[in-house]
Amino acid sequence: MRVAIITTDARVYYIAAKVLREHKIPFYSLRINEDIPFDVEIVLTSEKDYKRINFPTKIVVRDENFIDELLLKLEGKRKFESVYIAIDPGERPGVSVVADNRVLEIYHLKSPKDVDIIVQLLEKYPGAKIKIGHGAKRHRTLMLKTLSKILGDDYRVILVNEKGTTPRVGGIEAWAIQDIVASINIGLREGREVTIRELIRGNNVTKGEIENIKAQSRRLSEGKITISSELAREVALGNITIEEAIEIQKKKGEVRK
């Protein structure tokens, strides 16, 4: 199988050609609208040229990381016996794609409800399974409830004991690195396959959980708002975020003690 580089962007051409030569992958260098040889399987191009090229399989080259997607397409899905989308649940979940113990992609999500990238990864890697850490129950439940609206309650995920997956990292961005590394470690571990329904069906919330969430609402609002016990319970169940609960309490115009 061959690759063709078709772009008007000199920088993109340089990056693509350099990486292809390093990996000893043969390629054609073609102009826009030039006939594409019959043995070409994949076209590499720039973002601005993407829509100008009429070809079924195209990859946008932004940096050297395009090689992972290219190798996956060239060598076929059979190259990987298993692909996992691994999630370290939390306030800002870490996500990684781990295939046969190889890390293909990493992400740091904005919130447990930020699941679009996970859905996109499931589409990008057909047959991939989701692995999710067993910790951060409240955030995990919120994320799974959001995913269930798209994938369904019967969708099966792999629950992983994440004890010891989060490393100690120094520096300004340590928290982000920790979440991502933890997700990679979760992707490398074995777990128990369950349905989303099994993980989100519980309704038991302790008084201690409610009081902790109310205390957290005070900290987040700098002492201005304490959410009600009812709202704290909804947060504990993963039905709403604590930020949403604070906004609801504000609209009620009440400060609960």
C-alpha atoms as a PDB file:
ATOM      1  CA  MET A   1       0.000   0.000   0.000  1.00  0.00           C
ATOM      2  CA  ARG A   2       1.179   3.488  -0.769  1.00  0.00           C
ATOM      3  CA  VAL A   3       0.626   6.959   0.621  1.00  0.00           C
ATOM      4  CA  ALA A   4       0.253  10.223  -1.259  1.00  0.00           C
ATOM      5  CA  ILE A   5       1.091  13.676   0.070  1.00  0.00           C
ATOM      6  CA  ILE A   6      -1.190  16.251  -1.535  1.00  0.00           C
ATOM      7  CA  THR A   7      -0.977  19.762  -0.132  1.00  0.00           C
ATOM      8  CA  THR A   8      -0.206  23.374  -0.964  1.00  0.00           C
ATOM      9  CA  ASP A   9       1.253  23.857   2.523  1.00  0.00           C
ATOM     10  CA  ALA A  10       5.060  23.580   2.427  1.00  0.00           C
ATOM     11  CA  ARG A  11       5.304  23.020   6.180  1.00  0.00           C
ATOM     12  CA  VAL A  12       2.822  20.135   6.084  1.00  0.00           C
ATOM     13  CA  TYR A  13       4.657  18.586   3.132  1.00  0.00           C
ATOM     14  CA  TYR A  14       7.998  18.821   4.956  1.00  0.00           C
ATOM     15  CA  ILE A  15       6.639  17.186   8.141  1.00  0.00           C
ATOM     16  CA  ALA A  16       4.825  14.412   6.251  1.00  0.00           C
ATOM     17  CA  ALA A  17       7.747  13.572   3.952  1.00  0.00           C
ATOM     18  CA  LYS A  18      10.258  13.603   6.830  1.00  0.00           C
ATOM     19  CA  VAL A  19       8.188  11.221   8.998  1.00  0.00           C
ATOM     20  CA  LEU A  20       7.393   8.884   6.087  1.00  0.00           C
ATOM     21  CA  ARG A  21      11.093   8.610   5.200  1.00  0.00           C
ATOM     22  CA  GLU A  22      11.974   7.916   8.838  1.00  0.00           C
ATOM     23  CA  HIS A  23       9.453   5.045   8.847  1.00  0.00           C
ATOM     24  CA  LYS A  24      10.526   3.887   5.357  1.00  0.00           C
ATOM     25  CA  ILE A  25       7.006   4.254   3.997  1.00  0.00           C
ATOM     26  CA  PRO A  26       6.910   4.834   0.199  1.00  0.00           C
ATOM     27  CA  PHE A  27       4.858   7.796  -0.977  1.00  0.00           C
ATOM     28  CA  TYR A  28       3.834   9.925  -3.930  1.00  0.00           C
ATOM     29  CA  SER A  29       4.127  13.691  -3.998  1.00  0.00           C
ATOM     30  CA  LEU A  30       1.127  15.030  -5.919  1.00  0.00           C
ATOM     31  CA  ARG A  31      -0.438  18.371  -6.742  1.00  0.00           C
ATOM     32  CA  ILE A  32      -4.029  19.308  -5.994  1.00  0.00           C
ATOM     33  CA  ASN A  33      -6.350  17.921  -8.733  1.00  0.00           C
ATOM     34  CA  GLU A  34      -3.603  15.635 -10.059  1.00  0.00           C
ATOM     35  CA  ASP A  35      -4.737  12.067 -10.747  1.00  0.00           C
ATOM     36  CA  ILE A  36      -4.171   9.789  -7.757  1.00  0.00           C
ATOM     37  CA  PRO A  37      -2.512   6.452  -8.673  1.00  0.00           C
ATOM     38  CA  PHE A  38      -4.613   3.314  -8.227  1.00  0.00           C
ATOM     39  CA  ASP A  39      -2.346   1.842  -5.521  1.00  0.00           C
ATOM     40  CA  VAL A  40      -2.722   4.796  -3.136  1.00  0.00           C
ATOM     41  CA  GLU A  41      -4.616   3.842   0.003  1.00  0.00           C
ATOM     42  CA  ILE A  42      -4.283   7.037   2.059  1.00  0.00           C
ATOM     43  CA  VAL A  43      -3.806  10.708   1.301  1.00  0.00           C
ATOM     44  CA  LEU A  44      -1.956  13.026   3.678  1.00  0.00           C
ATOM     45  CA  THR A  45      -2.920  16.678   3.436  1.00  0.00           C
ATOM     46  CA  SER A  46      -3.306  19.944   5.311  1.00  0.00           C
ATOM     47  CA  GLU A  47      -6.387  21.192   7.077  1.00  0.00           C
ATOM     48  CA  LYS A  48      -6.956  23.922   4.486  1.00  0.00           C
ATOM     49  CA  ASP A  49      -6.659  21.468   1.552  1.00  0.00           C
ATOM     50  CA  TYR A  50      -8.730  18.671   3.102  1.00  0.00           C
ATOM     51  CA  LYS A  51     -12.043  19.491   1.367  1.00  0.00           C
ATOM     52  CA  ARG A  52     -10.349  20.106  -1.994  1.00  0.00           C
ATOM     53  CA  ILE A  53      -9.242  16.489  -2.297  1.00  0.00           C
ATOM     54  CA  ASN A  54     -11.766  13.917  -3.475  1.00  0.00           C
ATOM     55  CA  PHE A  55     -10.503  10.734  -1.862  1.00  0.00           C
ATOM     56  CA  PRO A  56     -12.164   8.370   0.634  1.00  0.00           C
ATOM     57  CA  THR A  57      -9.319   8.044   3.171  1.00  0.00           C
ATOM     58  CA  LYS A  58      -7.542  11.246   4.176  1.00  0.00           C
ATOM     59  CA  ILE A  59      -5.480  12.252   7.203  1.00  0.00           C
ATOM     60  CA  VAL A  60      -4.821  15.839   8.223  1.00  0.00           C
ATOM     61  CA  VAL A  61      -1.171  16.442   9.112  1.00  0.00           C
ATOM     62  CA  ARG A  62      -0.816  18.962  11.948  1.00  0.00           C
ATOM     63  CA  ASP A  63       2.388  17.598  13.470  1.00  0.00           C
ATOM     64  CA  GLU A  64       4.428  14.397  13.537  1.00  0.00           C
ATOM     65  CA  ASN A  65       1.783  12.591  15.596  1.00  0.00           C
ATOM     66  CA  PHE A  66      -0.171  11.817  12.421  1.00  0.00           C
ATOM     67  CA  ILE A  67       1.999   8.689  12.089  1.00  0.00           C
ATOM     68  CA  ASP A  68      -0.007   6.762  14.726  1.00  0.00           C
ATOM     69  CA  GLU A  69      -3.253   7.173  12.797  1.00  0.00           C
ATOM     70  CA  LEU A  70      -1.497   6.423   9.518  1.00  0.00           C
ATOM     71  CA  LEU A  71       0.089   3.195  10.785  1.00  0.00           C
ATOM     72  CA  LEU A  72      -3.238   2.090  12.201  1.00  0.00           C
ATOM     73  CA  LYS A  73      -4.913   2.579   8.825  1.00  0.00           C
ATOM     74  CA  LEU A  74      -2.058   1.113   6.774  1.00  0.00           C
ATOM     75  CA  GLU A  75      -1.563  -1.997   8.853  1.00  0.00           C
ATOM     76  CA  GLY A  76      -5.255  -2.450   9.572  1.00  0.00           C
ATOM     77  CA  LYS A  77      -7.174  -2.917  12.784  1.00  0.00           C
ATOM     78  CA  ARG A  78      -5.773  -6.452  12.985  1.00  0.00           C
ATOM     79  CA  LYS A  79      -2.487  -4.919  14.095  1.00  0.00           C
ATOM     80  CA  PHE A  80      -4.002  -4.376  17.528  1.00  0.00           C
ATOM     81  CA  GLU A  81      -5.550  -7.286  19.354  1.00  0.00           C
ATOM     82  CA  SER A  82      -7.146  -4.902  21.854  1.00  0.00           C
ATOM     83  CA  VAL A  83      -7.858  -1.184  21.989  1.00  0.00           C
ATOM     84  CA  TYR A  84      -9.005   0.501  25.198  1.00  0.00           C
ATOM     85  CA  ILE A  85     -10.261   4.002  25.836  1.00  0.00           C
ATOM     86  CA  ALA A  86      -9.136   4.397  29.436  1.00  0.00           C
ATOM     87  CA  ILE A  87     -10.626   6.974  31.805  1.00  0.00           C
ATOM     88  CA  ASP A  88      -9.358   8.250  35.132  1.00  0.00           C
ATOM     89  CA  PRO A  89     -12.584   9.737  36.558  1.00  0.00           C
ATOM     90  CA  GLY A  90     -12.440  12.991  38.457  1.00  0.00           C
ATOM     91  CA  GLU A  91     -13.251  16.671  38.286  1.00  0.00           C
ATOM     92  CA  ARG A  92     -11.197  16.850  35.072  1.00  0.00           C
ATOM     93  CA  PRO A  93     -10.917  13.282  33.770  1.00  0.00           C
ATOM     94  CA  GLY A  94      -7.772  11.981  32.153  1.00  0.00           C
ATOM     95  CA  VAL A  95      -8.327   9.897  29.009  1.00  0.00           C
ATOM     96  CA  SER A  96      -5.952   7.762  26.970  1.00  0.00           C
ATOM     97  CA  VAL A  97      -6.177   5.314  24.081  1.00  0.00           C
ATOM     98  CA  VAL A  98      -4.115   2.194  24.844  1.00  0.00           C
ATOM     99  CA  ALA A  99      -3.692  -0.467  22.141  1.00  0.00           C
ATOM    100  CA  ASP A 100      -1.686  -3.619  22.878  1.00  0.00           C
ATOM    101  CA  ASN A 101       0.133  -1.775  25.692  1.00  0.00           C
ATOM    102  CA  ARG A 102       0.937   1.131  23.376  1.00  0.00           C
ATOM    103  CA  VAL A 103      -0.371   4.629  24.079  1.00  0.00           C
ATOM    104  CA  LEU A 104      -1.860   6.165  20.926  1.00  0.00           C
ATOM    105  CA  GLU A 105      -3.581   9.304  22.235  1.00  0.00           C
ATOM    106  CA  ILE A 106      -4.048  11.268  25.475  1.00  0.00           C
ATOM    107  CA  TYR A 107      -6.570  13.903  26.570  1.00  0.00           C
ATOM    108  CA  HIS A 108      -7.487  15.970  29.632  1.00  0.00           C
ATOM    109  CA  LEU A 109     -11.224  16.691  29.703  1.00  0.00           C
ATOM    110  CA  LYS A 110     -12.864  19.843  31.030  1.00  0.00           C
ATOM    111  CA  SER A 111     -15.423  18.044  33.213  1.00  0.00           C
ATOM    112  CA  PRO A 112     -17.104  14.643  33.719  1.00  0.00           C
ATOM    113  CA  LYS A 113     -19.812  15.756  31.274  1.00  0.00           C
ATOM    114  CA  ASP A 114     -17.260  16.457  28.541  1.00  0.00           C
ATOM    115  CA  VAL A 115     -17.729  13.082  26.807  1.00  0.00           C
ATOM    116  CA  ASP A 116     -17.719  14.133  23.129  1.00  0.00           C
ATOM    117  CA  ILE A 117     -14.080  13.100  22.692  1.00  0.00           C
ATOM    118  CA  ILE A 118     -14.837   9.639  24.124  1.00  0.00           C
ATOM    119  CA  VAL A 119     -17.671   9.149  21.629  1.00  0.00           C
ATOM    120  CA  GLN A 120     -15.377  10.319  18.820  1.00  0.00           C
ATOM    121  CA  LEU A 121     -12.691   7.866  19.911  1.00  0.00           C
ATOM    122  CA  LEU A 122     -15.204   4.996  19.896  1.00  0.00           C
ATOM    123  CA  GLU A 123     -16.028   5.913  16.297  1.00  0.00           C
ATOM    124  CA  LYS A 124     -12.353   6.263  15.379  1.00  0.00           C
ATOM    125  CA  TYR A 125     -11.408   2.881  16.888  1.00  0.00           C
ATOM    126  CA  PRO A 126     -14.214   0.420  16.109  1.00  0.00           C
ATOM    127  CA  GLY A 127     -14.256  -2.436  18.594  1.00  0.00           C
ATOM    128  CA  ALA A 128     -12.507  -0.426  21.306  1.00  0.00           C
ATOM    129  CA  LYS A 129     -13.698  -0.928  24.876  1.00  0.00           C
ATOM    130  CA  ILE A 130     -13.966   1.627  27.655  1.00  0.00           C
ATOM    131  CA  LYS A 131     -11.976   1.065  30.848  1.00  0.00           C
ATOM    132  CA  ILE A 132     -12.812   3.327  33.787  1.00  0.00           C
ATOM    133  CA  GLY A 133     -11.267   3.621  37.236  1.00  0.00           C
ATOM    134  CA  HIS A 134     -13.360   2.675  40.262  1.00  0.00           C
ATOM    135  CA  GLY A 135     -12.489   5.830  42.237  1.00  0.00           C
ATOM    136  CA  ALA A 136     -14.044   9.324  42.335  1.00  0.00           C
ATOM    137  CA  LYS A 137     -17.484   7.727  42.503  1.00  0.00           C
ATOM    138  CA  ARG A 138     -19.469  10.962  42.192  1.00  0.00           C
ATOM    139  CA  HIS A 139     -17.562  12.143  39.108  1.00  0.00           C
ATOM    140  CA  ARG A 140     -17.524   8.632  37.637  1.00  0.00           C
ATOM    141  CA  THR A 141     -21.295   8.312  37.998  1.00  0.00           C
ATOM    142  CA  LEU A 142     -21.880  11.724  36.417  1.00  0.00           C
ATOM    143  CA  MET A 143     -19.694  10.776  33.444  1.00  0.00           C
ATOM    144  CA  LEU A 144     -21.343   7.382  32.992  1.00  0.00           C
ATOM    145  CA  LYS A 145     -24.838   8.887  33.192  1.00  0.00           C
ATOM    146  CA  THR A 146     -23.829  11.344  30.462  1.00  0.00           C
ATOM    147  CA  LEU A 147     -22.412   8.507  28.346  1.00  0.00           C
ATOM    148  CA  SER A 148     -25.505   6.351  28.925  1.00  0.00           C
ATOM    149  CA  LYS A 149     -27.649   8.959  27.173  1.00  0.00           C
ATOM    150  CA  ILE A 150     -25.565   8.325  24.041  1.00  0.00           C
ATOM    151  CA  LEU A 151     -24.486   4.686  24.363  1.00  0.00           C
ATOM    152  CA  GLY A 152     -27.385   3.286  26.405  1.00  0.00           C
ATOM    153  CA  ASP A 153     -27.577   1.802  29.914  1.00  0.00           C
ATOM    154  CA  ASP A 154     -26.705  -1.682  28.635  1.00  0.00           C
ATOM    155  CA  TYR A 155     -23.384  -0.557  27.150  1.00  0.00           C
ATOM    156  CA  ARG A 156     -20.591  -2.598  28.724  1.00  0.00           C
ATOM    157  CA  VAL A 157     -17.504  -1.011  30.259  1.00  0.00           C
ATOM    158  CA  ILE A 158     -14.574  -2.440  32.209  1.00  0.00           C
ATOM    159  CA  LEU A 159     -14.287  -1.291  35.828  1.00  0.00           C
ATOM    160  CA  VAL A 160     -10.669  -1.169  36.998  1.00  0.00           C
ATOM    161  CA  ASN A 161      -9.240  -0.921  40.507  1.00  0.00           C
ATOM    162  CA  GLU A 162      -7.213   2.256  40.129  1.00  0.00           C
ATOM    163  CA  LYS A 163      -5.331   2.061  43.426  1.00  0.00           C
ATOM    164  CA  GLY A 164      -1.751   3.090  42.804  1.00  0.00           C
ATOM    165  CA  THR A 165      -2.345   4.334  39.255  1.00  0.00           C
ATOM    166  CA  THR A 166      -1.798   8.031  40.051  1.00  0.00           C
ATOM    167  CA  PRO A 167       1.891   8.988  40.239  1.00  0.00           C
ATOM    168  CA  ARG A 168       3.428  11.790  42.265  1.00  0.00           C
ATOM    169  CA  VAL A 169       4.461  14.510  39.842  1.00  0.00           C
ATOM    170  CA  GLY A 170       5.980  17.892  40.638  1.00  0.00           C
ATOM    171  CA  GLY A 171       5.515  21.147  38.735  1.00  0.00           C
ATOM    172  CA  ILE A 172       2.796  23.593  37.750  1.00  0.00           C
ATOM    173  CA  GLU A 173       0.833  21.234  35.521  1.00  0.00           C
ATOM    174  CA  ALA A 174       1.312  18.213  37.776  1.00  0.00           C
ATOM    175  CA  TRP A 175      -2.411  17.667  38.323  1.00  0.00           C
ATOM    176  CA  ALA A 176      -3.052  17.384  34.579  1.00  0.00           C
ATOM    177  CA  ILE A 177      -0.126  15.011  34.046  1.00  0.00           C
ATOM    178  CA  GLN A 178      -1.244  12.838  36.972  1.00  0.00           C
ATOM    179  CA  ASP A 179      -4.750  12.424  35.543  1.00  0.00           C
ATOM    180  CA  ILE A 180      -3.403  11.439  32.125  1.00  0.00           C
ATOM    181  CA  VAL A 181      -0.783   9.012  33.481  1.00  0.00           C
ATOM    182  CA  ALA A 182      -3.419   7.473  35.762  1.00  0.00           C
ATOM    183  CA  SER A 183      -5.664   6.867  32.740  1.00  0.00           C
ATOM    184  CA  ILE A 184      -2.771   5.148  30.936  1.00  0.00           C
ATOM    185  CA  ASN A 185      -2.174   2.893  33.945  1.00  0.00           C
ATOM    186  CA  ILE A 186      -5.900   2.084  34.062  1.00  0.00           C
ATOM    187  CA  GLY A 187      -5.722   1.139  30.383  1.00  0.00           C
ATOM    188  CA  LEU A 188      -2.906  -1.295  31.141  1.00  0.00           C
ATOM    189  CA  ARG A 189      -4.750  -3.060  33.991  1.00  0.00           C
ATOM    190  CA  GLU A 190      -7.262  -5.856  33.987  1.00  0.00           C
ATOM    191  CA  GLY A 191     -10.780  -5.192  35.253  1.00  0.00           C
ATOM    192  CA  ARG A 192     -14.319  -6.477  35.548  1.00  0.00           C
ATOM    193  CA  GLU A 193     -16.786  -6.023  32.684  1.00  0.00           C
ATOM    194  CA  VAL A 194     -20.151  -4.555  33.747  1.00  0.00           C
ATOM    195  CA  THR A 195     -22.992  -2.564  32.206  1.00  0.00           C
ATOM    196  CA  ILE A 196     -23.268   1.163  32.748  1.00  0.00           C
ATOM    197  CA  ARG A 197     -26.593   0.445  34.453  1.00  0.00           C
ATOM    198  CA  GLU A 198     -24.868  -1.595  37.159  1.00  0.00           C
ATOM    199  CA  LEU A 199     -22.559   1.312  37.980  1.00  0.00           C
ATOM    200  CA  ILE A 200     -25.146   4.095  38.100  1.00  0.00           C
ATOM    201  CA  ARG A 201     -28.195   2.427  39.633  1.00  0.00           C
ATOM    202  CA  GLY A 202     -27.362   2.984  43.322  1.00  0.00           C
ATOM    203  CA  ASN A 203     -29.415   5.564  45.238  1.00  0.00           C
ATOM    204  CA  ASN A 204     -27.739   5.251  48.632  1.00  0.00           C
ATOM    205  CA  VAL A 205     -26.113   8.490  49.752  1.00  0.00           C
ATOM    206  CA  THR A 206     -24.711   8.882  53.246  1.00  0.00           C
ATOM    207  CA  LYS A 207     -25.196  11.916  55.451  1.00  0.00           C
ATOM    208  CA  GLY A 208     -21.433  12.361  55.461  1.00  0.00           C
ATOM    209  CA  GLU A 209     -21.343  12.589  51.644  1.00  0.00           C
ATOM    210  CA  ILE A 210     -24.098  15.212  51.685  1.00  0.00           C
ATOM    211  CA  GLU A 211     -22.324  17.300  54.339  1.00  0.00           C
ATOM    212  CA  ASN A 212     -19.017  17.096  52.446  1.00  0.00           C
ATOM    213  CA  ILE A 213     -20.653  18.278  49.232  1.00  0.00           C
ATOM    214  CA  LYS A 214     -22.378  21.152  51.055  1.00  0.00           C
ATOM    215  CA  ALA A 215     -19.022  22.144  52.541  1.00  0.00           C
ATOM    216  CA  GLN A 216     -17.463  22.014  49.090  1.00  0.00           C
ATOM    217  CA  SER A 217     -20.197  24.304  47.750  1.00  0.00           C
ATOM    218  CA  ARG A 218     -19.250  26.837  50.424  1.00  0.00           C
ATOM    219  CA  ARG A 219     -15.592  26.688  49.429  1.00  0.00           C
ATOM    220  CA  LEU A 220     -16.327  27.028  45.717  1.00  0.00           C
ATOM    221  CA  SER A 221     -18.629  30.017  46.301  1.00  0.00           C
ATOM    222  CA  GLU A 222     -16.163  31.608  48.737  1.00  0.00           C
ATOM    223  CA  GLY A 223     -18.602  31.234  51.605  1.00  0.00           C
ATOM    224  CA  LYS A 224     -21.534  32.883  49.833  1.00  0.00           C
ATOM    225  CA  ILE A 225     -23.633  29.807  49.075  1.00  0.00           C
ATOM    226  CA  THR A 226     -24.385  26.535  50.812  1.00  0.00           C
ATOM    227  CA  ILE A 227     -26.493  24.272  48.648  1.00  0.00           C
ATOM    228  CA  SER A 228     -29.447  22.426  50.116  1.00  0.00           C
ATOM    229  CA  SER A 229     -29.285  18.808  51.224  1.00  0.00           C
ATOM    230  CA  GLU A 230     -31.597  17.907  48.327  1.00  0.00           C
ATOM    231  CA  LEU A 231     -29.225  19.456  45.790  1.00  0.00           C
ATOM    232  CA  ALA A 232     -26.220  17.875  47.519  1.00  0.00           C
ATOM    233  CA  ARG A 233     -27.893  14.477  47.150  1.00  0.00           C
ATOM    234  CA  GLU A 234     -28.405  15.066  43.406  1.00  0.00           C
ATOM    235  CA  VAL A 235     -24.700  15.919  43.131  1.00  0.00           C
ATOM    236  CA  ALA A 236     -23.758  12.765  45.058  1.00  0.00           C
ATOM    237  CA  LEU A 237     -25.891  10.658  42.713  1.00  0.00           C
ATOM    238  CA  GLY A 238     -24.125  12.136  39.689  1.00  0.00           C
ATOM    239  CA  ASN A 239     -27.261  13.788  38.320  1.00  0.00           C
ATOM    240  CA  ILE A 240     -25.785  17.300  38.356  1.00  0.00           C
ATOM    241  CA  THR A 241     -22.404  18.897  38.947  1.00  0.00           C
ATOM    242  CA  ILE A 242     -21.705  20.854  42.101  1.00  0.00           C
ATOM    243  CA  GLU A 243     -21.319  23.991  39.966  1.00  0.00           C
ATOM    244  CA  GLU A 244     -24.811  23.446  38.558  1.00  0.00           C
ATOM    245  CA  ALA A 245     -26.149  22.928  42.083  1.00  0.00           C
ATOM    246  CA  ILE A 246     -24.633  26.240  43.198  1.00  0.00           C
ATOM    247  CA  GLU A 247     -26.268  28.042  40.262  1.00  0.00           C
ATOM    248  CA  ILE A 248     -29.646  26.467  41.077  1.00  0.00           C
ATOM    249  CA  GLN A 249     -29.282  27.559  44.695  1.00  0.00           C
ATOM    250  CA  LYS A 250     -28.419  31.094  43.561  1.00  0.00           C
ATOM    251  CA  LYS A 251     -31.585  31.261  41.444  1.00  0.00           C
ATOM    252  CA  LYS A 252     -33.636  30.202  44.450  1.00  0.00           C
ATOM    253  CA  GLY A 253     -32.211  33.218  46.249  1.00  0.00           C
ATOM    254  CA  GLU A 254     -31.569  31.185  49.377  1.00  0.00           C
ATOM    255  CA  VAL A 255     -28.481  30.433  51.389  1.00  0.00           C
ATOM    256  CA  ARG A 256     -28.949  27.149  53.239  1.00  0.00           C
ATOM    257  CA  LYS A 257     -27.080  26.249  56.436  1.00  0.00           C
END
